[in-house]
């Protein structure tokens, strides 16, 4: 019972870590979410590829293949681990569009922006936050449904 209580407290402490803003993540997020460290809408850790938000929704964005676009996400709760910094990765299908090393300089509720070139095809953009932190979940997931026009 004591182990269960410790685990429940750990989950409550680490709940919520990454919000995909542009394009907007599956399920969206209510107004004010991005001002709350540890917001439930930013917690997706169940399983790849979308952290349990596996049902596709309407497209959050439309892109032209081969053109550059900004992808924006928020570090909703910091899990930086200085001994082995993790990373953020943007993928469409198996194609990695960007991989960004986590940084102690980016704190809770701060934003990342990367400019990526859209591939020729794909319907789901995935954001992963691989923490490498032994005191946090190994990976956080977010997905956005998109349309890529050729």
C-alpha atoms as a PDB file:
ATOM      1  CA  UNK A   1       0.000   0.000   0.000  1.00  0.00           C
ATOM      2  CA  UNK A   2       2.859   2.367   0.834  1.00  0.00           C
ATOM      3  CA  UNK A   3       4.392   1.712  -2.617  1.00  0.00           C
ATOM      4  CA  UNK A   4       1.077   2.541  -4.300  1.00  0.00           C
ATOM      5  CA  UNK A   5       0.829   5.825  -2.387  1.00  0.00           C
ATOM      6  CA  UNK A   6       4.395   6.816  -3.336  1.00  0.00           C
ATOM      7  CA  UNK A   7       3.684   5.954  -6.991  1.00  0.00           C
ATOM      8  CA  UNK A   8       0.431   7.974  -6.948  1.00  0.00           C
ATOM      9  CA  UNK A   9       2.256  10.972  -5.491  1.00  0.00           C
ATOM     10  CA  UNK A  10       5.001  10.666  -8.116  1.00  0.00           C
ATOM     11  CA  UNK A  11       2.432  10.542 -10.929  1.00  0.00           C
ATOM     12  CA  UNK A  12       0.617  13.563  -9.507  1.00  0.00           C
ATOM     13  CA  UNK A  13       3.923  15.454  -9.313  1.00  0.00           C
ATOM     14  CA  UNK A  14       5.066  14.634 -12.842  1.00  0.00           C
ATOM     15  CA  UNK A  15       1.695  14.843 -14.602  1.00  0.00           C
ATOM     16  CA  UNK A  16       1.862  17.053 -17.658  1.00  0.00           C
ATOM     17  CA  UNK A  17       4.890  18.037 -19.595  1.00  0.00           C
ATOM     18  CA  UNK A  18       4.486  18.988 -23.241  1.00  0.00           C
ATOM     19  CA  UNK A  19       1.798  20.845 -25.170  1.00  0.00           C
ATOM     20  CA  UNK A  20       1.947  20.911 -28.972  1.00  0.00           C
ATOM     21  CA  UNK A  21       0.675  24.350 -29.933  1.00  0.00           C
ATOM     22  CA  UNK A  22       1.273  24.744 -33.680  1.00  0.00           C
ATOM     23  CA  UNK A  23      -0.207  22.605 -35.088  1.00  0.00           C
ATOM     24  CA  UNK A  24      -2.588  22.110 -32.182  1.00  0.00           C
ATOM     25  CA  UNK A  25      -2.426  18.735 -30.454  1.00  0.00           C
ATOM     26  CA  UNK A  26      -5.212  16.165 -30.524  1.00  0.00           C
ATOM     27  CA  UNK A  27      -7.847  17.005 -27.955  1.00  0.00           C
ATOM     28  CA  UNK A  28      -6.759  20.647 -27.874  1.00  0.00           C
ATOM     29  CA  UNK A  29      -6.541  22.474 -24.578  1.00  0.00           C
ATOM     30  CA  UNK A  30      -8.900  24.870 -22.772  1.00  0.00           C
ATOM     31  CA  UNK A  31      -8.096  28.566 -22.439  1.00  0.00           C
ATOM     32  CA  UNK A  32      -5.581  29.138 -19.680  1.00  0.00           C
ATOM     33  CA  UNK A  33      -3.952  25.690 -19.956  1.00  0.00           C
ATOM     34  CA  UNK A  34      -0.637  27.119 -21.125  1.00  0.00           C
ATOM     35  CA  UNK A  35      -0.381  29.161 -17.916  1.00  0.00           C
ATOM     36  CA  UNK A  36      -0.636  26.061 -15.676  1.00  0.00           C
ATOM     37  CA  UNK A  37       2.510  24.044 -14.993  1.00  0.00           C
ATOM     38  CA  UNK A  38       1.584  20.383 -15.017  1.00  0.00           C
ATOM     39  CA  UNK A  39      -1.686  20.827 -16.957  1.00  0.00           C
ATOM     40  CA  UNK A  40      -3.465  17.514 -17.559  1.00  0.00           C
ATOM     41  CA  UNK A  41      -3.997  18.283 -21.255  1.00  0.00           C
ATOM     42  CA  UNK A  42      -0.236  18.165 -21.748  1.00  0.00           C
ATOM     43  CA  UNK A  43       0.234  14.704 -20.240  1.00  0.00           C
ATOM     44  CA  UNK A  44       0.411  11.948 -22.820  1.00  0.00           C
ATOM     45  CA  UNK A  45       2.624   9.111 -21.621  1.00  0.00           C
ATOM     46  CA  UNK A  46       0.582   5.941 -22.195  1.00  0.00           C
ATOM     47  CA  UNK A  47       2.153   4.722 -25.415  1.00  0.00           C
ATOM     48  CA  UNK A  48       3.580   5.670 -28.764  1.00  0.00           C
ATOM     49  CA  UNK A  49       2.727   7.181 -31.116  1.00  0.00           C
ATOM     50  CA  UNK A  50       0.213   9.566 -29.528  1.00  0.00           C
ATOM     51  CA  UNK A  51       0.276   8.846 -25.802  1.00  0.00           C
ATOM     52  CA  UNK A  52      -3.175   7.318 -25.759  1.00  0.00           C
ATOM     53  CA  UNK A  53      -4.844   9.987 -27.936  1.00  0.00           C
ATOM     54  CA  UNK A  54      -5.010   7.523 -30.796  1.00  0.00           C
ATOM     55  CA  UNK A  55      -8.300   8.571 -32.401  1.00  0.00           C
ATOM     56  CA  UNK A  56      -7.706  10.917 -35.327  1.00  0.00           C
ATOM     57  CA  UNK A  57      -9.596  14.168 -35.335  1.00  0.00           C
ATOM     58  CA  UNK A  58     -10.177  16.918 -37.861  1.00  0.00           C
ATOM     59  CA  UNK A  59      -7.009  18.421 -39.342  1.00  0.00           C
ATOM     60  CA  UNK A  60      -5.392  21.000 -37.101  1.00  0.00           C
ATOM     61  CA  UNK A  61      -3.355  22.431 -39.976  1.00  0.00           C
ATOM     62  CA  UNK A  62      -2.829  22.286 -43.729  1.00  0.00           C
ATOM     63  CA  UNK A  63       0.678  22.368 -45.185  1.00  0.00           C
ATOM     64  CA  UNK A  64       2.265  22.412 -48.634  1.00  0.00           C
ATOM     65  CA  UNK A  65       4.822  19.665 -49.265  1.00  0.00           C
ATOM     66  CA  UNK A  66       8.396  20.933 -49.486  1.00  0.00           C
ATOM     67  CA  UNK A  67       7.680  24.270 -47.782  1.00  0.00           C
ATOM     68  CA  UNK A  68       9.006  25.448 -44.423  1.00  0.00           C
ATOM     69  CA  UNK A  69       6.754  25.960 -41.400  1.00  0.00           C
ATOM     70  CA  UNK A  70       7.217  26.701 -37.703  1.00  0.00           C
ATOM     71  CA  UNK A  71       6.268  24.048 -35.160  1.00  0.00           C
ATOM     72  CA  UNK A  72       5.729  25.393 -31.642  1.00  0.00           C
ATOM     73  CA  UNK A  73       5.455  23.523 -28.362  1.00  0.00           C
ATOM     74  CA  UNK A  74       5.596  24.322 -24.680  1.00  0.00           C
ATOM     75  CA  UNK A  75       7.708  22.632 -22.033  1.00  0.00           C
ATOM     76  CA  UNK A  76       4.799  22.440 -19.628  1.00  0.00           C
ATOM     77  CA  UNK A  77       6.836  20.938 -16.789  1.00  0.00           C
ATOM     78  CA  UNK A  78      10.620  20.755 -16.764  1.00  0.00           C
ATOM     79  CA  UNK A  79      12.337  17.345 -16.575  1.00  0.00           C
ATOM     80  CA  UNK A  80      15.809  18.461 -17.614  1.00  0.00           C
ATOM     81  CA  UNK A  81      18.450  15.970 -16.465  1.00  0.00           C
ATOM     82  CA  UNK A  82      21.947  17.474 -16.543  1.00  0.00           C
ATOM     83  CA  UNK A  83      23.763  14.097 -16.425  1.00  0.00           C
ATOM     84  CA  UNK A  84      22.132  12.970 -19.676  1.00  0.00           C
ATOM     85  CA  UNK A  85      19.971  15.676 -21.263  1.00  0.00           C
ATOM     86  CA  UNK A  86      16.996  14.376 -23.188  1.00  0.00           C
ATOM     87  CA  UNK A  87      15.604  15.698 -26.434  1.00  0.00           C
ATOM     88  CA  UNK A  88      12.488  16.751 -28.299  1.00  0.00           C
ATOM     89  CA  UNK A  89      11.722  15.263 -31.699  1.00  0.00           C
ATOM     90  CA  UNK A  90       9.209  16.211 -34.388  1.00  0.00           C
ATOM     91  CA  UNK A  91       8.271  13.393 -36.769  1.00  0.00           C
ATOM     92  CA  UNK A  92       5.787  12.683 -39.519  1.00  0.00           C
ATOM     93  CA  UNK A  93       5.552   8.935 -39.924  1.00  0.00           C
ATOM     94  CA  UNK A  94       9.091   7.563 -39.679  1.00  0.00           C
ATOM     95  CA  UNK A  95      10.630  10.808 -40.973  1.00  0.00           C
ATOM     96  CA  UNK A  96      12.325  12.960 -38.333  1.00  0.00           C
ATOM     97  CA  UNK A  97      11.873  16.650 -39.142  1.00  0.00           C
ATOM     98  CA  UNK A  98      13.764  18.056 -36.159  1.00  0.00           C
ATOM     99  CA  UNK A  99      15.559  16.876 -33.039  1.00  0.00           C
ATOM    100  CA  UNK A 100      16.311  19.434 -30.320  1.00  0.00           C
ATOM    101  CA  UNK A 101      18.426  18.743 -27.245  1.00  0.00           C
ATOM    102  CA  UNK A 102      16.685  19.601 -23.955  1.00  0.00           C
ATOM    103  CA  UNK A 103      18.229  22.528 -22.145  1.00  0.00           C
ATOM    104  CA  UNK A 104      18.404  23.851 -18.593  1.00  0.00           C
ATOM    105  CA  UNK A 105      17.857  27.271 -20.166  1.00  0.00           C
ATOM    106  CA  UNK A 106      14.285  26.391 -21.165  1.00  0.00           C
ATOM    107  CA  UNK A 107      12.187  26.250 -18.012  1.00  0.00           C
ATOM    108  CA  UNK A 108       8.629  25.207 -17.205  1.00  0.00           C
ATOM    109  CA  UNK A 109       6.002  27.059 -19.318  1.00  0.00           C
ATOM    110  CA  UNK A 110       8.552  28.248 -21.888  1.00  0.00           C
ATOM    111  CA  UNK A 111       8.277  27.624 -25.620  1.00  0.00           C
ATOM    112  CA  UNK A 112      10.319  25.940 -28.315  1.00  0.00           C
ATOM    113  CA  UNK A 113       9.977  26.874 -31.983  1.00  0.00           C
ATOM    114  CA  UNK A 114      11.610  25.007 -34.846  1.00  0.00           C
ATOM    115  CA  UNK A 115      11.342  25.561 -38.567  1.00  0.00           C
ATOM    116  CA  UNK A 116      10.777  22.337 -40.492  1.00  0.00           C
ATOM    117  CA  UNK A 117      10.356  21.376 -44.132  1.00  0.00           C
ATOM    118  CA  UNK A 118       7.193  19.389 -44.763  1.00  0.00           C
ATOM    119  CA  UNK A 119       7.657  16.006 -46.423  1.00  0.00           C
ATOM    120  CA  UNK A 120       5.622  14.858 -49.423  1.00  0.00           C
ATOM    121  CA  UNK A 121       3.107  12.930 -47.357  1.00  0.00           C
ATOM    122  CA  UNK A 122       1.831  12.241 -43.869  1.00  0.00           C
ATOM    123  CA  UNK A 123      -1.294  12.717 -41.794  1.00  0.00           C
ATOM    124  CA  UNK A 124       0.009  12.844 -38.216  1.00  0.00           C
ATOM    125  CA  UNK A 125       2.722  15.026 -36.729  1.00  0.00           C
ATOM    126  CA  UNK A 126       4.236  13.574 -33.568  1.00  0.00           C
ATOM    127  CA  UNK A 127       6.119  15.408 -30.824  1.00  0.00           C
ATOM    128  CA  UNK A 128       8.109  13.309 -28.361  1.00  0.00           C
ATOM    129  CA  UNK A 129       9.948  14.478 -25.281  1.00  0.00           C
ATOM    130  CA  UNK A 130      12.531  11.847 -24.311  1.00  0.00           C
ATOM    131  CA  UNK A 131      13.617  12.876 -20.824  1.00  0.00           C
ATOM    132  CA  UNK A 132      16.486  10.473 -19.944  1.00  0.00           C
ATOM    133  CA  UNK A 133      15.504  11.486 -16.387  1.00  0.00           C
ATOM    134  CA  UNK A 134      15.306   8.461 -14.039  1.00  0.00           C
ATOM    135  CA  UNK A 135      12.808  10.354 -11.837  1.00  0.00           C
ATOM    136  CA  UNK A 136      10.373  11.085 -14.690  1.00  0.00           C
ATOM    137  CA  UNK A 137       8.532   9.074 -17.323  1.00  0.00           C
ATOM    138  CA  UNK A 138      10.876   8.099 -20.150  1.00  0.00           C
ATOM    139  CA  UNK A 139       8.829   9.628 -23.002  1.00  0.00           C
ATOM    140  CA  UNK A 140       5.957  12.085 -23.392  1.00  0.00           C
ATOM    141  CA  UNK A 141       3.900  12.140 -26.609  1.00  0.00           C
ATOM    142  CA  UNK A 142       1.664  14.573 -28.480  1.00  0.00           C
ATOM    143  CA  UNK A 143       0.151  14.253 -31.938  1.00  0.00           C
ATOM    144  CA  UNK A 144      -1.597  16.625 -34.311  1.00  0.00           C
ATOM    145  CA  UNK A 145      -3.676  15.609 -37.301  1.00  0.00           C
ATOM    146  CA  UNK A 146      -2.523  17.420 -40.437  1.00  0.00           C
ATOM    147  CA  UNK A 147      -2.980  17.515 -44.190  1.00  0.00           C
ATOM    148  CA  UNK A 148       0.004  17.836 -46.536  1.00  0.00           C
ATOM    149  CA  UNK A 149      -0.840  19.074 -50.025  1.00  0.00           C
ATOM    150  CA  UNK A 150       1.447  18.192 -52.920  1.00  0.00           C
END
